[in-house]
Amino acid sequence: NQRNLSLVKQLGFNRIRTYYIKPDENHNDFLNYCCELNLSVEIGISNNLLESRDFVSIAKIVNSTKSFRCVKIYTVGNEYFGNTSDIIFGLDLIYSLDNSKYLMHSSIFDTGFHSAKKVYSALSRKSGILDKYIVSINMYFYNNKAESHGDVVQNVVMDFYNDTILRNSYLIISEFGNNSMNNGEQYNS
């Protein structure tokens, strides 16, 4: 609602991430108010739509949101452990429907950035799409003390940009936290 979005803006945030929006509902009021508040919006395409390859629902989401100036990024999947071809399907479809926005896959933080590299490598064979693609990694510091989190993030970023496949990509660490934080709290970028 408008009161909650106003509070988000007053707290100094400038972006809203939707995890899932229903394809058959009208989101114009929400998006118009985000435009009015100058909040950028990240539209999430859920894992279940990717796994089922639900072309119709994904197209409805993109076609109903792409004309709003506040919509900046489409996030395809969230910590998706399934087949990376489902992520590629979603990225290809969204890019074909709206190539003016950024694309992102919210990847898991796995050994050697395996998931992120697999998606990025597949996209590198496609014309134009990498210019709009951001690698996103969700990472959690399960056994690291809070005072070491900065060092951990710095090391991850160095490892990422030293990787021969990922070094020319854009990176966002979109979520980070640990399992000892209060109430399952996490930080979002």
Protein backbone atom coordinates (compact mmCIF):
# COMPACT_ATOMS: atom_id res chain seq x y z
CA ASN A 1 0.00 0.00 0.00
CA GLN A 2 1.01 3.63 -0.42
CA ARG A 3 1.80 4.16 3.26
CA ASN A 4 4.30 1.28 3.28
CA LEU A 5 5.98 2.44 0.08
CA SER A 6 6.26 5.98 1.48
CA LEU A 7 7.88 4.60 4.61
CA VAL A 8 10.37 2.62 2.50
CA LYS A 9 11.30 5.83 0.69
CA GLN A 10 11.57 7.81 3.96
CA LEU A 11 13.96 5.20 5.31
CA GLY A 12 16.29 5.96 2.41
CA PHE A 13 15.72 2.94 0.20
CA ASN A 14 15.53 3.47 -3.55
CA ARG A 15 14.54 0.04 -4.89
CA ILE A 16 11.78 -2.49 -4.35
CA ARG A 17 12.29 -6.15 -5.21
CA THR A 18 9.22 -8.23 -5.90
CA TYR A 19 9.70 -11.92 -5.45
CA TYR A 20 6.49 -12.94 -7.18
CA ILE A 21 3.69 -10.97 -8.76
CA LYS A 22 0.57 -12.66 -9.99
CA PRO A 23 0.39 -12.59 -13.78
CA ASP A 24 -3.40 -12.15 -13.89
CA GLU A 25 -3.60 -9.23 -11.45
CA ASN A 26 -3.32 -5.54 -12.22
CA HIS A 27 -0.22 -3.99 -10.63
CA ASN A 28 -0.63 -0.51 -12.12
CA ASP A 29 -1.40 1.27 -8.83
CA PHE A 30 1.71 -0.18 -7.18
CA LEU A 31 3.94 0.64 -10.16
CA ASN A 32 2.50 4.13 -10.63
CA TYR A 33 3.13 4.92 -6.98
CA CYS A 34 6.69 3.62 -7.25
CA CYS A 35 7.18 5.93 -10.23
CA GLU A 36 5.75 8.82 -8.23
CA LEU A 37 8.13 8.13 -5.32
CA ASN A 38 11.06 7.58 -7.69
CA LEU A 39 11.56 4.03 -6.40
CA SER A 40 13.01 1.61 -8.91
CA VAL A 41 11.41 -1.83 -9.11
CA GLU A 42 12.92 -5.23 -9.69
CA ILE A 43 10.31 -7.61 -11.11
CA GLY A 44 10.82 -11.19 -9.96
CA ILE A 45 9.99 -14.16 -12.14
CA SER A 46 9.44 -17.06 -9.76
CA ASN A 47 11.09 -20.45 -9.90
CA ASN A 48 7.79 -22.27 -10.48
CA LEU A 49 7.10 -20.28 -13.67
CA LEU A 50 10.56 -21.19 -14.94
CA GLU A 51 10.32 -24.87 -14.10
CA SER A 52 6.93 -25.18 -15.80
CA ARG A 53 8.19 -23.04 -18.71
CA ASP A 54 5.01 -20.99 -18.35
CA PHE A 55 5.50 -18.77 -21.40
CA VAL A 56 2.02 -17.23 -21.11
CA SER A 57 2.34 -16.14 -17.46
CA ILE A 58 5.88 -14.80 -17.88
CA ALA A 59 4.80 -12.85 -20.98
CA LYS A 60 1.82 -11.40 -19.05
CA ILE A 61 4.11 -10.20 -16.28
CA VAL A 62 6.62 -8.61 -18.64
CA ASN A 63 4.05 -7.07 -20.98
CA SER A 64 2.08 -5.57 -18.08
CA THR A 65 5.12 -4.01 -16.38
CA LYS A 66 7.57 -3.05 -19.11
CA SER A 67 6.06 0.36 -19.87
CA PHE A 68 6.59 1.67 -16.33
CA ARG A 69 9.72 3.80 -16.00
CA CYS A 70 10.28 2.52 -12.45
CA VAL A 71 10.85 -1.04 -13.67
CA LYS A 72 14.61 -1.42 -14.10
CA ILE A 73 15.42 -5.13 -13.68
CA TYR A 74 13.78 -8.50 -14.24
CA THR A 75 15.12 -11.12 -11.85
CA VAL A 76 14.79 -14.59 -13.28
CA GLY A 77 14.65 -17.19 -10.52
CA ASN A 78 15.65 -16.96 -6.90
CA GLU A 79 18.34 -19.31 -5.56
CA TYR A 80 17.14 -21.78 -8.15
CA PHE A 81 18.63 -25.26 -7.69
CA GLY A 82 16.97 -26.76 -10.77
CA ASN A 83 18.19 -27.06 -14.33
CA THR A 84 20.01 -23.92 -15.49
CA SER A 85 18.32 -24.35 -18.89
CA ASP A 86 15.13 -23.13 -17.14
CA ILE A 87 16.96 -19.91 -16.21
CA ILE A 88 18.25 -19.53 -19.79
CA PHE A 89 14.70 -20.06 -21.08
CA GLY A 90 13.42 -17.27 -18.80
CA LEU A 91 16.22 -14.86 -19.67
CA ASP A 92 15.80 -15.47 -23.41
CA LEU A 93 12.04 -15.03 -23.22
CA ILE A 94 12.16 -11.83 -21.19
CA TYR A 95 14.88 -10.34 -23.37
CA SER A 96 12.76 -11.06 -26.46
CA LEU A 97 9.80 -9.27 -24.84
CA ASP A 98 11.70 -6.32 -23.36
CA ASN A 99 15.36 -5.77 -24.14
CA SER A 100 15.42 -2.30 -22.60
CA LYS A 101 15.71 -3.46 -18.97
CA TYR A 102 18.45 -5.23 -17.07
CA LEU A 103 18.23 -8.97 -16.50
CA MET A 104 19.46 -10.80 -13.47
CA HIS A 105 19.51 -14.34 -12.13
CA SER A 106 19.60 -14.50 -8.35
CA SER A 107 22.12 -17.32 -8.11
CA ILE A 108 23.20 -19.40 -5.16
CA PHE A 109 26.69 -18.91 -3.78
CA ASP A 110 28.21 -22.25 -4.66
CA THR A 111 31.76 -23.55 -5.04
CA GLY A 112 33.66 -21.71 -7.74
CA PHE A 113 30.51 -19.76 -8.72
CA HIS A 114 29.47 -22.87 -10.66
CA SER A 115 25.81 -21.86 -11.20
CA ALA A 116 26.61 -18.27 -12.13
CA LYS A 117 29.32 -19.38 -14.58
CA LYS A 118 27.05 -21.90 -16.25
CA VAL A 119 24.36 -19.28 -16.91
CA TYR A 120 26.86 -16.58 -17.92
CA SER A 121 28.66 -18.93 -20.32
CA ALA A 122 25.39 -19.89 -22.00
CA LEU A 123 24.42 -16.23 -22.38
CA SER A 124 27.80 -15.28 -23.84
CA ARG A 125 26.84 -17.18 -26.97
CA LYS A 126 23.76 -14.99 -27.48
CA SER A 127 23.83 -11.66 -29.23
CA GLY A 128 23.28 -8.54 -27.15
CA ILE A 129 21.94 -10.14 -23.98
CA LEU A 130 25.16 -9.81 -21.92
CA ASP A 131 25.00 -6.03 -22.24
CA LYS A 132 21.89 -6.17 -20.06
CA TYR A 133 22.82 -9.06 -17.76
CA ILE A 134 23.86 -8.77 -14.11
CA VAL A 135 25.15 -11.74 -12.11
CA SER A 136 23.51 -11.80 -8.70
CA ILE A 137 24.74 -13.97 -5.86
CA ASN A 138 23.00 -14.59 -2.56
CA MET A 139 25.55 -15.44 0.09
CA TYR A 140 25.30 -16.22 3.75
CA PHE A 141 28.04 -16.21 6.37
CA TYR A 142 26.96 -19.26 8.29
CA ASN A 143 30.03 -19.63 10.48
CA ASN A 144 31.68 -16.24 10.15
CA LYS A 145 31.60 -13.68 12.96
CA ALA A 146 29.87 -10.41 12.08
CA GLU A 147 33.12 -8.43 12.28
CA SER A 148 34.61 -10.57 9.49
CA HIS A 149 31.76 -10.11 6.99
CA GLY A 150 33.47 -7.23 5.19
CA ASP A 151 36.60 -9.30 4.64
CA VAL A 152 34.53 -12.24 3.41
CA VAL A 153 32.65 -10.06 0.89
CA GLN A 154 35.91 -8.49 -0.29
CA ASN A 155 37.46 -11.93 -0.85
CA VAL A 156 34.40 -13.17 -2.71
CA VAL A 157 34.42 -10.12 -4.98
CA MET A 158 38.15 -10.58 -5.68
CA ASP A 159 37.64 -14.27 -6.46
CA PHE A 160 34.69 -13.41 -8.70
CA TYR A 161 36.57 -10.84 -10.76
CA ASN A 162 39.65 -13.07 -10.97
CA ASP A 163 37.53 -15.81 -12.52
CA THR A 164 38.33 -16.16 -16.24
CA ILE A 165 34.65 -16.51 -17.20
CA LEU A 166 33.03 -13.95 -14.90
CA ARG A 167 35.66 -11.20 -14.85
CA ASN A 168 33.85 -9.07 -17.48
CA SER A 169 30.41 -9.38 -15.92
CA TYR A 170 28.49 -7.13 -13.53
CA LEU A 171 28.01 -8.48 -10.00
CA ILE A 172 25.45 -7.72 -7.32
CA ILE A 173 25.55 -9.51 -3.99
CA SER A 174 21.80 -9.26 -3.61
CA GLU A 175 21.34 -10.85 -0.20
CA PHE A 176 23.67 -11.60 2.62
CA GLY A 177 23.33 -12.58 6.22
CA ASN A 178 23.88 -15.46 8.58
CA ASN A 179 21.88 -17.97 10.51
CA SER A 180 22.64 -16.35 13.86
CA MET A 181 20.99 -13.05 12.95
CA ASN A 182 17.82 -12.23 14.85
CA ASN A 183 14.58 -13.58 13.41
CA GLY A 184 16.27 -14.95 10.28
CA GLU A 185 17.17 -11.38 9.34
CA GLN A 186 19.09 -10.78 6.15
CA TYR A 187 20.28 -7.78 4.21
CA ASN A 188 19.25 -7.05 0.65
CA SER A 189 21.17 -4.84 -1.75
